[in-house]
Each structure stands twice: as C-alpha cells, then as structure tokens.
C-alpha cells in the first residue's frame, strides 16, 4: 500500500511523493490533454529538441485516434494506454513499453519497435506492414486479424500470443521464440521461420507455402493439422517435413 502526498503545484505539473515499497517522485501532468501533449512532443522534435521527460511517461492515458506518426518515441512508457486507431506509422519506438496497451486497429506501418515490450497488449486488427519488432518482448499479446506483411520479428519473444487469422506474408521470424503462440488460419506464405522455437505453437490450417523452416526447434511439439506446406524448400528441414506430413 502506497501513500501519496501532494508536495506542490508547479504550473501544469503536480509533484507527488509516494511512500511505499520504493520511494520516488512522480511528475503528473495536470490540465494538459493527451492531444496537447502529443502536439508538444511533435513541436519539440520539429525544433530538434527532445521531448520533456514528463511527456515520455504516458502510462494509462487515452490516446485514441491521435496522430503519433513519424515521432521519435524511444523509451516512452505507453503501458496501459488506450491507443485504438492511433497512427504510429513511421514512428521510432525502440525500447518503448506498450504493456497492457490497447492498439485496436492502430496503424503501425513502417514503425520501428526494436526491443519494445508488448506484454498483454491488444493489437487486434492493427496494420503493421513492414514494421520492425526485432528483439521485442511480445507475450500474451493479441494480434488477431492483424495485417503485418513484410514485418520483422527477428530474435523476438512472441510467446503465448494470439496471431490467428493474421496476414504475415514474407515476414521474418528468424531466431524468434514462438512458444505456445497460435497462428491458426494465418497467412504465412514465404515467412522466414528458420531457427525458431515452436514448442506448443499452433499452425492449424495456416497457409505456409514457401516458408523457410531450416533448423526449427521443438517442431514435434507444435500443432500442424491442416497446415499448407506446399512449395516449401525442406533443405535442412527434412525431419520437419516428415513430421508434418505424418
């Protein structure tokens, strides 16, 4: 249990002292709407300046329908934000935290999320064509019916996540951990799955024509029922082919 004590008001900011397990000072934005905060971030970056520190912690804010396209959002905290239909296309978000955020039908095309965190995030119906999720942490996330053609998930942790009916053609998952994620009925044509861990993953009725499967791990513990594996080059993946066909 934490005790909050208001120390002082400074302009649009409130300085709040929190006493609990850890002691810290939180800077809370007061009277600034989410739209005004985003406008301030964009203006600062247009002037070649970094966003204010207090503007980098947006935890729990409602950013629905807002335009964050092209912004440098490296390390920002978007955890638990409502971001449905927001525009993040072309934005740079390495190391950003989207844990618990709702990005329903958001536009993420061409955005960069290297090393970002998406624990428990809802990205269902989003568009993330050519987005970069390399080395990101994507656990218990929902990507149902998302469009992510040509996206990159190299060495990402995509575990326990819902990717049913996603459009993933030509995406790269090289070296990623896909443990217990569900790709049922996904379009995975020409996807790079080399050196992935697919233990407990589900590829039920997925279209996997032309996929690369070399050095895939734990494939015997995945569900391949109904998966379309035509036109696959099984060089270096003969045992995978035999198991899937059987």
C-alpha atoms as a PDB file:
ATOM      1  CA  UNK A   1       0.000   0.000   0.000  1.00  0.00           C
ATOM      2  CA  UNK A   2       1.414   3.382  -1.005  1.00  0.00           C
ATOM      3  CA  UNK A   3       0.688   6.786   0.493  1.00  0.00           C
ATOM      4  CA  UNK A   4       0.534   9.757  -1.873  1.00  0.00           C
ATOM      5  CA  UNK A   5       1.248  13.242  -0.573  1.00  0.00           C
ATOM      6  CA  UNK A   6       0.891  16.294  -2.813  1.00  0.00           C
ATOM      7  CA  UNK A   7       4.006  18.371  -2.320  1.00  0.00           C
ATOM      8  CA  UNK A   8       3.455  21.307  -4.634  1.00  0.00           C
ATOM      9  CA  UNK A   9       1.905  22.574  -7.825  1.00  0.00           C
ATOM     10  CA  UNK A  10       4.229  23.955 -10.489  1.00  0.00           C
ATOM     11  CA  UNK A  11       2.374  25.368 -13.450  1.00  0.00           C
ATOM     12  CA  UNK A  12       0.689  22.479 -15.218  1.00  0.00           C
ATOM     13  CA  UNK A  13       2.533  19.912 -13.127  1.00  0.00           C
ATOM     14  CA  UNK A  14       1.899  18.297  -9.791  1.00  0.00           C
ATOM     15  CA  UNK A  15       4.809  16.891  -7.798  1.00  0.00           C
ATOM     16  CA  UNK A  16       3.597  13.868  -5.838  1.00  0.00           C
ATOM     17  CA  UNK A  17       5.576  11.998  -3.194  1.00  0.00           C
ATOM     18  CA  UNK A  18       4.853   8.282  -2.974  1.00  0.00           C
ATOM     19  CA  UNK A  19       5.770   6.324   0.104  1.00  0.00           C
ATOM     20  CA  UNK A  20       5.565   2.546  -0.172  1.00  0.00           C
ATOM     21  CA  UNK A  21       7.924  -0.239  -1.071  1.00  0.00           C
ATOM     22  CA  UNK A  22      10.004   2.210  -3.039  1.00  0.00           C
ATOM     23  CA  UNK A  23      10.312   5.936  -2.641  1.00  0.00           C
ATOM     24  CA  UNK A  24      10.024   8.005  -5.736  1.00  0.00           C
ATOM     25  CA  UNK A  25       8.765  11.291  -7.026  1.00  0.00           C
ATOM     26  CA  UNK A  26       6.165  11.190  -9.755  1.00  0.00           C
ATOM     27  CA  UNK A  27       5.583  14.132 -12.041  1.00  0.00           C
ATOM     28  CA  UNK A  28       1.942  14.166 -13.041  1.00  0.00           C
ATOM     29  CA  UNK A  29       0.637  16.205 -15.920  1.00  0.00           C
ATOM     30  CA  UNK A  30      -2.324  18.318 -14.915  1.00  0.00           C
ATOM     31  CA  UNK A  31      -4.674  20.171 -17.257  1.00  0.00           C
ATOM     32  CA  UNK A  32      -2.792  19.030 -20.381  1.00  0.00           C
ATOM     33  CA  UNK A  33      -4.964  16.928 -22.653  1.00  0.00           C
ATOM     34  CA  UNK A  34      -3.401  13.933 -24.445  1.00  0.00           C
ATOM     35  CA  UNK A  35      -3.789  15.811 -27.734  1.00  0.00           C
ATOM     36  CA  UNK A  36      -1.864  18.798 -26.313  1.00  0.00           C
ATOM     37  CA  UNK A  37       0.865  16.504 -25.009  1.00  0.00           C
ATOM     38  CA  UNK A  38       1.314  14.859 -28.427  1.00  0.00           C
ATOM     39  CA  UNK A  39       1.358  18.288 -30.084  1.00  0.00           C
ATOM     40  CA  UNK A  40       4.069  19.423 -27.650  1.00  0.00           C
ATOM     41  CA  UNK A  41       6.159  16.320 -28.407  1.00  0.00           C
ATOM     42  CA  UNK A  42       5.858  16.911 -32.144  1.00  0.00           C
ATOM     43  CA  UNK A  43       6.702  20.607 -31.839  1.00  0.00           C
ATOM     44  CA  UNK A  44       9.793  19.871 -29.737  1.00  0.00           C
ATOM     45  CA  UNK A  45      11.051  17.329 -32.250  1.00  0.00           C
ATOM     46  CA  UNK A  46      10.412  19.653 -35.176  1.00  0.00           C
ATOM     47  CA  UNK A  47      12.705  22.113 -33.374  1.00  0.00           C
ATOM     48  CA  UNK A  48      15.345  19.416 -32.964  1.00  0.00           C
ATOM     49  CA  UNK A  49      14.699  19.068 -29.241  1.00  0.00           C
ATOM     50  CA  UNK A  50      13.936  16.032 -27.097  1.00  0.00           C
ATOM     51  CA  UNK A  51      10.508  15.597 -25.577  1.00  0.00           C
ATOM     52  CA  UNK A  52      10.193  16.705 -21.962  1.00  0.00           C
ATOM     53  CA  UNK A  53      10.825  13.896 -19.504  1.00  0.00           C
ATOM     54  CA  UNK A  54       7.301  14.167 -18.116  1.00  0.00           C
ATOM     55  CA  UNK A  55       5.906  13.766 -21.634  1.00  0.00           C
ATOM     56  CA  UNK A  56       7.752  10.461 -22.037  1.00  0.00           C
ATOM     57  CA  UNK A  57       5.675   8.772 -19.343  1.00  0.00           C
ATOM     58  CA  UNK A  58       2.179   8.475 -20.813  1.00  0.00           C
ATOM     59  CA  UNK A  59       1.141   5.444 -18.781  1.00  0.00           C
ATOM     60  CA  UNK A  60      -2.620   4.913 -18.732  1.00  0.00           C
ATOM     61  CA  UNK A  61      -3.531   7.892 -20.930  1.00  0.00           C
ATOM     62  CA  UNK A  62      -6.268   7.774 -23.557  1.00  0.00           C
ATOM     63  CA  UNK A  63      -4.603   8.378 -26.924  1.00  0.00           C
ATOM     64  CA  UNK A  64      -7.438   7.093 -29.099  1.00  0.00           C
ATOM     65  CA  UNK A  65      -7.336   8.307 -32.732  1.00  0.00           C
ATOM     66  CA  UNK A  66      -4.274  10.520 -32.126  1.00  0.00           C
ATOM     67  CA  UNK A  67      -1.521  11.019 -34.716  1.00  0.00           C
ATOM     68  CA  UNK A  68       1.933   9.995 -33.453  1.00  0.00           C
ATOM     69  CA  UNK A  69       3.263   9.180 -36.911  1.00  0.00           C
ATOM     70  CA  UNK A  70       6.944   9.807 -37.595  1.00  0.00           C
ATOM     71  CA  UNK A  71       7.772  10.711 -33.985  1.00  0.00           C
ATOM     72  CA  UNK A  72      10.829   9.549 -32.061  1.00  0.00           C
ATOM     73  CA  UNK A  73       9.257   7.738 -29.111  1.00  0.00           C
ATOM     74  CA  UNK A  74      12.291   5.754 -27.981  1.00  0.00           C
ATOM     75  CA  UNK A  75      11.912   4.545 -24.407  1.00  0.00           C
ATOM     76  CA  UNK A  76       8.449   6.081 -23.928  1.00  0.00           C
ATOM     77  CA  UNK A  77       6.048   4.444 -21.467  1.00  0.00           C
ATOM     78  CA  UNK A  78       2.702   3.668 -23.140  1.00  0.00           C
ATOM     79  CA  UNK A  79       1.757   0.907 -20.714  1.00  0.00           C
ATOM     80  CA  UNK A  80      -1.999   0.536 -20.138  1.00  0.00           C
ATOM     81  CA  UNK A  81      -2.729   3.291 -22.681  1.00  0.00           C
ATOM     82  CA  UNK A  82      -5.901   3.261 -24.774  1.00  0.00           C
ATOM     83  CA  UNK A  83      -4.486   3.742 -28.279  1.00  0.00           C
ATOM     84  CA  UNK A  84      -7.209   2.333 -30.522  1.00  0.00           C
ATOM     85  CA  UNK A  85      -6.986   3.620 -34.104  1.00  0.00           C
ATOM     86  CA  UNK A  86      -3.978   5.807 -33.298  1.00  0.00           C
ATOM     87  CA  UNK A  87      -1.429   6.426 -36.046  1.00  0.00           C
ATOM     88  CA  UNK A  88       2.118   5.305 -35.232  1.00  0.00           C
ATOM     89  CA  UNK A  89       3.207   4.794 -38.836  1.00  0.00           C
ATOM     90  CA  UNK A  90       6.875   5.541 -39.407  1.00  0.00           C
ATOM     91  CA  UNK A  91       7.458   6.228 -35.716  1.00  0.00           C
ATOM     92  CA  UNK A  92      10.623   5.138 -33.903  1.00  0.00           C
ATOM     93  CA  UNK A  93       9.795   3.321 -30.667  1.00  0.00           C
ATOM     94  CA  UNK A  94      12.869   1.258 -29.673  1.00  0.00           C
ATOM     95  CA  UNK A  95      12.694   0.192 -26.056  1.00  0.00           C
ATOM     96  CA  UNK A  96       9.180   1.614 -25.602  1.00  0.00           C
ATOM     97  CA  UNK A  97       6.779  -0.100 -23.198  1.00  0.00           C
ATOM     98  CA  UNK A  98       3.318  -0.983 -24.537  1.00  0.00           C
ATOM     99  CA  UNK A  99       2.459  -3.498 -21.801  1.00  0.00           C
ATOM    100  CA  UNK A 100      -1.308  -3.763 -21.396  1.00  0.00           C
ATOM    101  CA  UNK A 101      -1.904  -1.112 -24.062  1.00  0.00           C
ATOM    102  CA  UNK A 102      -4.866  -1.321 -26.438  1.00  0.00           C
ATOM    103  CA  UNK A 103      -3.851  -0.661 -30.049  1.00  0.00           C
ATOM    104  CA  UNK A 104      -7.015  -1.998 -31.680  1.00  0.00           C
ATOM    105  CA  UNK A 105      -6.986  -1.158 -35.401  1.00  0.00           C
ATOM    106  CA  UNK A 106      -3.980   1.123 -34.884  1.00  0.00           C
ATOM    107  CA  UNK A 107      -1.720   1.978 -37.836  1.00  0.00           C
ATOM    108  CA  UNK A 108       1.882   0.881 -37.246  1.00  0.00           C
ATOM    109  CA  UNK A 109       3.092   0.589 -40.843  1.00  0.00           C
ATOM    110  CA  UNK A 110       6.845   1.057 -41.161  1.00  0.00           C
ATOM    111  CA  UNK A 111       7.258   1.774 -37.442  1.00  0.00           C
ATOM    112  CA  UNK A 112      10.314   0.558 -35.523  1.00  0.00           C
ATOM    113  CA  UNK A 113       9.795  -1.289 -32.217  1.00  0.00           C
ATOM    114  CA  UNK A 114      13.264  -2.779 -31.687  1.00  0.00           C
ATOM    115  CA  UNK A 115      13.418  -4.179 -28.154  1.00  0.00           C
ATOM    116  CA  UNK A 116       9.970  -2.815 -27.255  1.00  0.00           C
ATOM    117  CA  UNK A 117       7.671  -4.586 -24.787  1.00  0.00           C
ATOM    118  CA  UNK A 118       4.122  -5.696 -25.612  1.00  0.00           C
ATOM    119  CA  UNK A 119       3.192  -7.866 -22.616  1.00  0.00           C
ATOM    120  CA  UNK A 120      -0.578  -8.362 -22.614  1.00  0.00           C
ATOM    121  CA  UNK A 121      -1.092  -5.743 -25.338  1.00  0.00           C
ATOM    122  CA  UNK A 122      -4.111  -5.834 -27.655  1.00  0.00           C
ATOM    123  CA  UNK A 123      -3.142  -5.146 -31.280  1.00  0.00           C
ATOM    124  CA  UNK A 124      -6.072  -6.955 -32.884  1.00  0.00           C
ATOM    125  CA  UNK A 125      -6.985  -5.628 -36.299  1.00  0.00           C
ATOM    126  CA  UNK A 126      -3.913  -3.391 -36.448  1.00  0.00           C
ATOM    127  CA  UNK A 127      -1.951  -2.655 -39.613  1.00  0.00           C
ATOM    128  CA  UNK A 128       1.794  -3.148 -39.159  1.00  0.00           C
ATOM    129  CA  UNK A 129       3.123  -3.760 -42.665  1.00  0.00           C
ATOM    130  CA  UNK A 130       6.934  -3.548 -42.805  1.00  0.00           C
ATOM    131  CA  UNK A 131       7.076  -2.772 -39.075  1.00  0.00           C
ATOM    132  CA  UNK A 132      10.159  -3.853 -37.127  1.00  0.00           C
ATOM    133  CA  UNK A 133       9.631  -5.900 -33.945  1.00  0.00           C
ATOM    134  CA  UNK A 134      13.160  -7.317 -33.740  1.00  0.00           C
ATOM    135  CA  UNK A 135      14.215  -8.447 -30.235  1.00  0.00           C
ATOM    136  CA  UNK A 136      10.887  -7.249 -28.840  1.00  0.00           C
ATOM    137  CA  UNK A 137       9.041  -8.931 -25.964  1.00  0.00           C
ATOM    138  CA  UNK A 138       5.588  -9.987 -27.139  1.00  0.00           C
ATOM    139  CA  UNK A 139       3.959 -12.245 -24.545  1.00  0.00           C
ATOM    140  CA  UNK A 140       0.245 -12.928 -24.024  1.00  0.00           C
ATOM    141  CA  UNK A 141      -0.481 -10.335 -26.726  1.00  0.00           C
ATOM    142  CA  UNK A 142      -3.435 -10.282 -29.133  1.00  0.00           C
ATOM    143  CA  UNK A 143      -2.764  -9.751 -32.850  1.00  0.00           C
ATOM    144  CA  UNK A 144      -5.976 -11.400 -34.092  1.00  0.00           C
ATOM    145  CA  UNK A 145      -6.755 -10.430 -37.704  1.00  0.00           C
ATOM    146  CA  UNK A 146      -3.810  -8.013 -37.867  1.00  0.00           C
ATOM    147  CA  UNK A 147      -2.110  -7.130 -41.165  1.00  0.00           C
ATOM    148  CA  UNK A 148       1.656  -7.485 -40.768  1.00  0.00           C
ATOM    149  CA  UNK A 149       3.007  -8.336 -44.207  1.00  0.00           C
ATOM    150  CA  UNK A 150       6.795  -7.912 -44.561  1.00  0.00           C
ATOM    151  CA  UNK A 151       7.184  -7.252 -40.820  1.00  0.00           C
ATOM    152  CA  UNK A 152      10.332  -8.273 -38.950  1.00  0.00           C
ATOM    153  CA  UNK A 153      10.339 -10.277 -35.698  1.00  0.00           C
ATOM    154  CA  UNK A 154      13.977 -11.417 -35.740  1.00  0.00           C
ATOM    155  CA  UNK A 155      15.013 -12.837 -32.336  1.00  0.00           C
ATOM    156  CA  UNK A 156      11.772 -11.617 -30.769  1.00  0.00           C
ATOM    157  CA  UNK A 157       9.911 -13.361 -27.946  1.00  0.00           C
ATOM    158  CA  UNK A 158       6.469 -13.990 -29.430  1.00  0.00           C
ATOM    159  CA  UNK A 159       5.150 -16.308 -26.733  1.00  0.00           C
ATOM    160  CA  UNK A 160       1.632 -17.268 -25.619  1.00  0.00           C
ATOM    161  CA  UNK A 161       0.212 -14.805 -28.135  1.00  0.00           C
ATOM    162  CA  UNK A 162      -2.852 -14.856 -30.398  1.00  0.00           C
ATOM    163  CA  UNK A 163      -1.924 -14.442 -34.062  1.00  0.00           C
ATOM    164  CA  UNK A 164      -4.958 -16.199 -35.517  1.00  0.00           C
ATOM    165  CA  UNK A 165      -6.020 -15.039 -38.982  1.00  0.00           C
ATOM    166  CA  UNK A 166      -3.086 -12.616 -39.194  1.00  0.00           C
ATOM    167  CA  UNK A 167      -1.627 -11.588 -42.550  1.00  0.00           C
ATOM    168  CA  UNK A 168       2.090 -12.326 -42.202  1.00  0.00           C
ATOM    169  CA  UNK A 169       3.234 -12.957 -45.776  1.00  0.00           C
ATOM    170  CA  UNK A 170       7.004 -12.513 -46.215  1.00  0.00           C
ATOM    171  CA  UNK A 171       7.539 -11.641 -42.554  1.00  0.00           C
ATOM    172  CA  UNK A 172      10.776 -12.680 -40.836  1.00  0.00           C
ATOM    173  CA  UNK A 173      10.776 -14.577 -37.526  1.00  0.00           C
ATOM    174  CA  UNK A 174      14.381 -15.786 -37.802  1.00  0.00           C
ATOM    175  CA  UNK A 175      15.657 -16.976 -34.403  1.00  0.00           C
ATOM    176  CA  UNK A 176      12.482 -15.982 -32.560  1.00  0.00           C
ATOM    177  CA  UNK A 177      10.705 -17.827 -29.740  1.00  0.00           C
ATOM    178  CA  UNK A 178       7.125 -18.689 -30.761  1.00  0.00           C
ATOM    179  CA  UNK A 179       6.348 -20.978 -27.834  1.00  0.00           C
ATOM    180  CA  UNK A 180       2.600 -21.622 -27.399  1.00  0.00           C
ATOM    181  CA  UNK A 181       1.557 -18.876 -29.818  1.00  0.00           C
ATOM    182  CA  UNK A 182      -1.471 -19.533 -32.032  1.00  0.00           C
ATOM    183  CA  UNK A 183      -1.134 -18.969 -35.798  1.00  0.00           C
ATOM    184  CA  UNK A 184      -4.360 -20.767 -36.747  1.00  0.00           C
ATOM    185  CA  UNK A 185      -5.622 -19.794 -40.226  1.00  0.00           C
ATOM    186  CA  UNK A 186      -2.856 -17.215 -40.574  1.00  0.00           C
ATOM    187  CA  UNK A 187      -1.468 -16.272 -43.981  1.00  0.00           C
ATOM    188  CA  UNK A 188       2.203 -17.165 -43.531  1.00  0.00           C
ATOM    189  CA  UNK A 189       3.222 -17.500 -47.161  1.00  0.00           C
ATOM    190  CA  UNK A 190       7.004 -17.183 -47.623  1.00  0.00           C
ATOM    191  CA  UNK A 191       7.589 -16.457 -43.919  1.00  0.00           C
ATOM    192  CA  UNK A 192      11.120 -17.000 -42.574  1.00  0.00           C
ATOM    193  CA  UNK A 193      10.853 -19.396 -39.614  1.00  0.00           C
ATOM    194  CA  UNK A 194      14.476 -20.539 -39.550  1.00  0.00           C
ATOM    195  CA  UNK A 195      15.941 -21.341 -36.132  1.00  0.00           C
ATOM    196  CA  UNK A 196      12.657 -20.607 -34.370  1.00  0.00           C
ATOM    197  CA  UNK A 197      11.380 -22.379 -31.269  1.00  0.00           C
ATOM    198  CA  UNK A 198       7.824 -23.567 -31.980  1.00  0.00           C
ATOM    199  CA  UNK A 199       7.186 -25.675 -28.888  1.00  0.00           C
ATOM    200  CA  UNK A 200       3.428 -25.759 -28.295  1.00  0.00           C
ATOM    201  CA  UNK A 201       2.763 -23.389 -31.204  1.00  0.00           C
ATOM    202  CA  UNK A 202      -0.400 -23.912 -33.270  1.00  0.00           C
ATOM    203  CA  UNK A 203      -0.389 -23.690 -37.082  1.00  0.00           C
ATOM    204  CA  UNK A 204      -3.898 -25.107 -37.578  1.00  0.00           C
ATOM    205  CA  UNK A 205      -4.989 -24.572 -41.207  1.00  0.00           C
ATOM    206  CA  UNK A 206      -2.304 -21.922 -41.676  1.00  0.00           C
ATOM    207  CA  UNK A 207      -1.141 -21.132 -45.206  1.00  0.00           C
ATOM    208  CA  UNK A 208       2.610 -21.750 -45.097  1.00  0.00           C
ATOM    209  CA  UNK A 209       3.503 -22.082 -48.764  1.00  0.00           C
ATOM    210  CA  UNK A 210       7.117 -21.178 -49.427  1.00  0.00           C
ATOM    211  CA  UNK A 211       8.076 -20.873 -45.740  1.00  0.00           C
ATOM    212  CA  UNK A 212      11.676 -21.390 -44.619  1.00  0.00           C
ATOM    213  CA  UNK A 213      11.867 -23.944 -41.795  1.00  0.00           C
ATOM    214  CA  UNK A 214      15.551 -24.856 -41.537  1.00  0.00           C
ATOM    215  CA  UNK A 215      16.845 -25.648 -38.036  1.00  0.00           C
ATOM    216  CA  UNK A 216      13.407 -25.160 -36.490  1.00  0.00           C
ATOM    217  CA  UNK A 217      13.310 -26.366 -32.866  1.00  0.00           C
ATOM    218  CA  UNK A 218      10.646 -28.360 -30.972  1.00  0.00           C
ATOM    219  CA  UNK A 219       8.592 -28.810 -34.165  1.00  0.00           C
ATOM    220  CA  UNK A 220       7.362 -32.198 -32.886  1.00  0.00           C
ATOM    221  CA  UNK A 221       5.524 -30.391 -30.087  1.00  0.00           C
ATOM    222  CA  UNK A 222       3.689 -27.999 -32.436  1.00  0.00           C
ATOM    223  CA  UNK A 223       0.224 -28.462 -33.972  1.00  0.00           C
ATOM    224  CA  UNK A 224       0.480 -28.720 -37.776  1.00  0.00           C
ATOM    225  CA  UNK A 225      -3.014 -30.042 -38.534  1.00  0.00           C
ATOM    226  CA  UNK A 226      -4.243 -28.700 -41.868  1.00  0.00           C
ATOM    227  CA  UNK A 227      -1.181 -26.515 -42.456  1.00  0.00           C
ATOM    228  CA  UNK A 228      -0.477 -25.896 -46.152  1.00  0.00           C
ATOM    229  CA  UNK A 229       3.220 -26.690 -46.644  1.00  0.00           C
ATOM    230  CA  UNK A 230       3.343 -26.736 -50.439  1.00  0.00           C
ATOM    231  CA  UNK A 231       6.280 -25.172 -52.279  1.00  0.00           C
ATOM    232  CA  UNK A 232       8.498 -25.312 -49.191  1.00  0.00           C
ATOM    233  CA  UNK A 233      12.214 -25.928 -49.627  1.00  0.00           C
ATOM    234  CA  UNK A 234      12.888 -28.537 -46.954  1.00  0.00           C
ATOM    235  CA  UNK A 235      16.671 -28.419 -47.363  1.00  0.00           C
ATOM    236  CA  UNK A 236      17.999 -28.777 -43.832  1.00  0.00           C
ATOM    237  CA  UNK A 237      14.456 -29.441 -42.594  1.00  0.00           C
ATOM    238  CA  UNK A 238      13.745 -32.974 -43.837  1.00  0.00           C
ATOM    239  CA  UNK A 239      12.677 -34.203 -40.401  1.00  0.00           C
ATOM    240  CA  UNK A 240      10.253 -31.293 -40.121  1.00  0.00           C
ATOM    241  CA  UNK A 241       8.689 -32.287 -43.445  1.00  0.00           C
ATOM    242  CA  UNK A 242       8.351 -35.917 -42.405  1.00  0.00           C
ATOM    243  CA  UNK A 243       6.761 -34.992 -39.086  1.00  0.00           C
ATOM    244  CA  UNK A 244       4.288 -32.507 -40.596  1.00  0.00           C
ATOM    245  CA  UNK A 245       3.217 -34.895 -43.353  1.00  0.00           C
ATOM    246  CA  UNK A 246       2.802 -37.747 -40.875  1.00  0.00           C
END
